Amino acid sequence: MQRLVSFLQMKDGTKEDYLLLDQSERDYAQHLPEKILGTMLELDHSLEGYPVSRLTHSLQTATRALNDGADDDMVVAALIHDVGDLLATYNHAAIAAAILKPYVRPEVTWIVEQHGLFQSYYYAHFVGGDRNARERFKDHPWYRSCESFCANWDQASFDPKYPTLPLSAFEPAVHRVFSRTAYDPRHVKDGLVSV
């Protein structure tokens, strides 16, 4: 039988209650890789109008990152960078960045969080926006990395003929990244604050 906390309001919780919940969260987090991979499949039936599905776009972006020798953090980021499209079309980058943040270095989180703005360089001027809005970050230490992420992987990944790896090819990297202890300083460590 499942154990439940003793409180109806959090202010009434006991140490035992919060230890129980802490363990429950840890147990639940162990299945995060499978949850992410399952959610990725939903991208196959999301935004329309592109020559490939959002899943194929994500797989192409990750394939390009892998082919360019990116590390696990960046490959997984390339894979899930648009997963937020499922629920937050106008703020999708923040969703993906929040998923990654406890598991990868701040540079990767920042790149994913800003990729929507940086990607708008390619189309904003056609829909009444400022294609150079990303310039407000021109002095940021990860500006060039985000610019490269978009130029080399993200904006280039809408080609139905591109030799795209299947989701199964990325499962080991997803498991390696999302099986880490959250906020482990061995992985979330490069000294700069993710802003």
Protein backbone atom coordinates (compact mmCIF):
# COMPACT_ATOMS: atom_id res chain seq x y z
CA MET A 1 0.00 0.00 0.00
CA GLN A 2 1.26 3.46 -0.89
CA ARG A 3 2.30 5.59 2.04
CA LEU A 4 0.87 9.10 2.21
CA VAL A 5 1.98 12.19 4.08
CA SER A 6 0.09 13.13 7.21
CA PHE A 7 -0.73 16.72 6.26
CA LEU A 8 -3.48 18.48 4.34
CA GLN A 9 -1.51 21.74 4.31
CA MET A 10 2.24 21.79 3.78
CA LYS A 11 2.76 23.97 6.85
CA ASP A 12 1.62 21.01 8.98
CA GLY A 13 4.11 18.55 7.52
CA THR A 14 6.60 16.62 9.62
CA LYS A 15 10.19 15.63 8.94
CA GLU A 16 8.98 12.12 8.16
CA ASP A 17 6.48 13.51 5.65
CA TYR A 18 9.14 15.43 3.80
CA LEU A 19 11.60 12.54 3.84
CA LEU A 20 8.85 10.38 2.34
CA LEU A 21 8.21 12.95 -0.39
CA ASP A 22 11.93 13.38 -1.05
CA GLN A 23 12.28 9.64 -1.62
CA SER A 24 9.17 9.61 -3.80
CA GLU A 25 10.64 12.36 -5.98
CA ARG A 26 13.93 10.49 -6.28
CA ASP A 27 12.12 7.31 -7.29
CA TYR A 28 10.02 9.21 -9.83
CA ALA A 29 13.07 10.97 -11.30
CA GLN A 30 14.68 7.62 -12.06
CA HIS A 31 12.20 7.27 -14.92
CA LEU A 32 12.92 10.69 -16.43
CA PRO A 33 14.87 9.34 -19.44
CA GLU A 34 11.91 7.19 -20.50
CA LYS A 35 9.46 10.04 -19.95
CA ILE A 36 11.55 12.36 -22.14
CA LEU A 37 11.89 9.78 -24.90
CA GLY A 38 8.14 9.12 -24.81
CA THR A 39 7.39 12.83 -24.96
CA MET A 40 9.70 13.22 -27.94
CA LEU A 41 7.46 10.84 -29.88
CA GLU A 42 4.57 13.28 -29.44
CA LEU A 43 6.52 15.82 -31.52
CA ASP A 44 5.73 13.65 -34.54
CA HIS A 45 2.16 15.01 -34.36
CA SER A 46 2.59 18.64 -33.39
CA LEU A 47 3.11 21.88 -35.34
CA GLU A 48 2.37 21.55 -39.04
CA GLY A 49 3.58 23.42 -42.09
CA TYR A 50 7.19 22.27 -42.09
CA PRO A 51 8.54 19.69 -44.59
CA VAL A 52 9.38 17.40 -41.65
CA SER A 53 7.68 16.75 -38.32
CA ARG A 54 8.96 18.43 -35.17
CA LEU A 55 10.31 15.02 -34.14
CA THR A 56 12.28 14.65 -37.37
CA HIS A 57 13.52 18.23 -36.99
CA SER A 58 14.71 17.43 -33.46
CA LEU A 59 16.36 14.20 -34.59
CA GLN A 60 18.09 16.03 -37.44
CA THR A 61 19.33 18.73 -35.09
CA ALA A 62 20.74 16.08 -32.74
CA THR A 63 22.20 14.10 -35.64
CA ARG A 64 24.04 17.20 -36.86
CA ALA A 65 25.32 17.90 -33.35
CA LEU A 66 26.53 14.30 -33.00
CA ASN A 67 28.15 14.36 -36.44
CA ASP A 68 30.00 17.54 -35.45
CA GLY A 69 31.44 15.83 -32.38
CA ALA A 70 29.30 17.54 -29.74
CA ASP A 71 29.34 16.04 -26.25
CA ASP A 72 26.37 14.26 -24.65
CA ASP A 73 25.08 17.46 -23.01
CA MET A 74 24.88 19.30 -26.30
CA VAL A 75 23.56 16.35 -28.32
CA VAL A 76 20.75 15.79 -25.82
CA ALA A 77 20.04 19.53 -25.79
CA ALA A 78 19.83 19.50 -29.58
CA LEU A 79 17.45 16.55 -29.36
CA ILE A 80 15.01 18.09 -26.86
CA HIS A 81 15.41 21.81 -27.71
CA ASP A 82 11.87 22.04 -29.14
CA VAL A 83 10.05 19.67 -26.77
CA GLY A 84 8.34 22.71 -25.22
CA ASP A 85 6.44 23.24 -28.49
CA LEU A 86 3.96 20.65 -27.24
CA LEU A 87 2.64 22.97 -24.51
CA ALA A 88 4.28 26.38 -24.85
CA THR A 89 4.44 27.39 -28.49
CA TYR A 90 5.45 30.96 -27.68
CA ASN A 91 7.83 30.08 -24.86
CA HIS A 92 9.04 26.63 -25.87
CA ALA A 93 12.73 27.31 -25.33
CA ALA A 94 12.25 28.06 -21.63
CA ILE A 95 10.52 24.69 -21.14
CA ALA A 96 13.37 22.72 -22.72
CA ALA A 97 15.97 24.74 -20.81
CA ALA A 98 14.19 24.07 -17.52
CA ILE A 99 14.20 20.33 -18.20
CA LEU A 100 17.93 20.39 -18.94
CA LYS A 101 19.09 22.78 -16.22
CA PRO A 102 19.59 20.31 -13.34
CA TYR A 103 21.62 17.93 -15.52
CA VAL A 104 23.90 19.89 -17.87
CA ARG A 105 26.40 22.72 -17.71
CA PRO A 106 24.97 26.26 -17.65
CA GLU A 107 26.25 27.01 -21.16
CA VAL A 108 23.99 24.34 -22.63
CA THR A 109 20.99 25.51 -20.63
CA TRP A 110 21.56 29.10 -21.78
CA ILE A 111 21.89 28.10 -25.43
CA VAL A 112 18.62 26.18 -25.34
CA GLU A 113 16.87 28.94 -23.40
CA GLN A 114 17.95 31.55 -25.96
CA HIS A 115 17.71 29.50 -29.15
CA GLY A 116 14.22 30.78 -29.96
CA LEU A 117 15.44 34.37 -29.96
CA PHE A 118 18.60 33.52 -31.89
CA GLN A 119 16.64 31.42 -34.39
CA SER A 120 14.33 34.37 -35.07
CA TYR A 121 17.25 35.95 -36.94
CA TYR A 122 16.17 33.83 -39.92
CA TYR A 123 12.52 34.94 -40.07
CA ALA A 124 11.56 37.78 -37.69
CA HIS A 125 11.88 40.47 -40.35
CA PHE A 126 9.27 38.67 -42.46
CA VAL A 127 6.65 38.74 -39.70
CA GLY A 128 7.18 42.23 -38.30
CA GLY A 129 9.90 41.41 -35.78
CA ASP A 130 13.51 42.40 -35.25
CA ARG A 131 15.84 39.80 -36.70
CA ASN A 132 18.73 41.35 -34.78
CA ALA A 133 17.08 41.13 -31.35
CA ARG A 134 19.72 38.60 -30.33
CA GLU A 135 22.31 41.37 -30.50
CA ARG A 136 21.37 42.40 -26.97
CA PHE A 137 23.44 39.37 -25.95
CA LYS A 138 26.38 40.14 -28.25
CA ASP A 139 28.78 40.45 -25.30
CA HIS A 140 27.54 37.31 -23.54
CA PRO A 141 30.22 34.59 -23.28
CA TRP A 142 27.94 32.01 -24.93
CA TYR A 143 26.61 34.23 -27.74
CA ARG A 144 28.76 32.57 -30.42
CA SER A 145 27.87 29.09 -29.18
CA CYS A 146 24.16 29.83 -29.44
CA GLU A 147 24.61 31.47 -32.83
CA SER A 148 26.47 28.34 -34.00
CA PHE A 149 23.82 26.01 -32.51
CA CYS A 150 21.18 27.77 -34.60
CA ALA A 151 23.22 28.28 -37.76
CA ASN A 152 24.76 24.82 -38.01
CA TRP A 153 22.14 22.57 -36.46
CA ASP A 154 18.73 24.09 -35.71
CA GLN A 155 17.88 26.22 -38.75
CA ALA A 156 19.41 23.63 -41.09
CA SER A 157 17.30 20.70 -39.91
CA PHE A 158 14.16 20.72 -42.04
CA ASP A 159 15.41 18.51 -44.87
CA PRO A 160 13.34 15.37 -45.55
CA LYS A 161 16.34 13.84 -47.39
CA TYR A 162 18.91 14.42 -44.66
CA PRO A 163 20.26 11.09 -43.26
CA THR A 164 18.65 11.43 -39.85
CA LEU A 165 19.38 9.02 -37.02
CA PRO A 166 16.36 7.43 -35.28
CA LEU A 167 15.39 8.25 -31.70
CA SER A 168 16.87 4.92 -30.56
CA ALA A 169 20.34 6.19 -31.54
CA PHE A 170 20.04 8.90 -28.88
CA GLU A 171 18.56 6.76 -26.10
CA PRO A 172 21.95 5.99 -24.49
CA ALA A 173 22.89 9.69 -24.31
CA VAL A 174 19.45 10.60 -22.93
CA HIS A 175 19.88 7.96 -20.25
CA ARG A 176 23.42 9.11 -19.42
CA VAL A 177 22.40 12.76 -19.04
CA PHE A 178 19.06 12.38 -17.28
CA SER A 179 20.23 9.62 -14.94
CA ARG A 180 22.71 11.99 -13.33
CA THR A 181 22.05 13.32 -9.87
CA ALA A 182 20.29 16.66 -10.27
CA TYR A 183 22.62 19.64 -9.82
CA ASP A 184 25.68 17.41 -9.48
CA PRO A 185 28.64 19.83 -9.53
CA ARG A 186 30.59 17.41 -11.74
CA HIS A 187 28.17 18.27 -14.57
CA VAL A 188 26.64 21.60 -13.63
CA LYS A 189 29.91 23.34 -12.93
CA ASP A 190 31.51 25.80 -15.28
CA GLY A 191 31.37 28.72 -12.85
CA LEU A 192 29.14 31.06 -14.81
CA VAL A 193 25.57 31.55 -13.71
CA SER A 194 22.91 30.58 -16.24
CA VAL A 195 21.07 33.83 -16.97
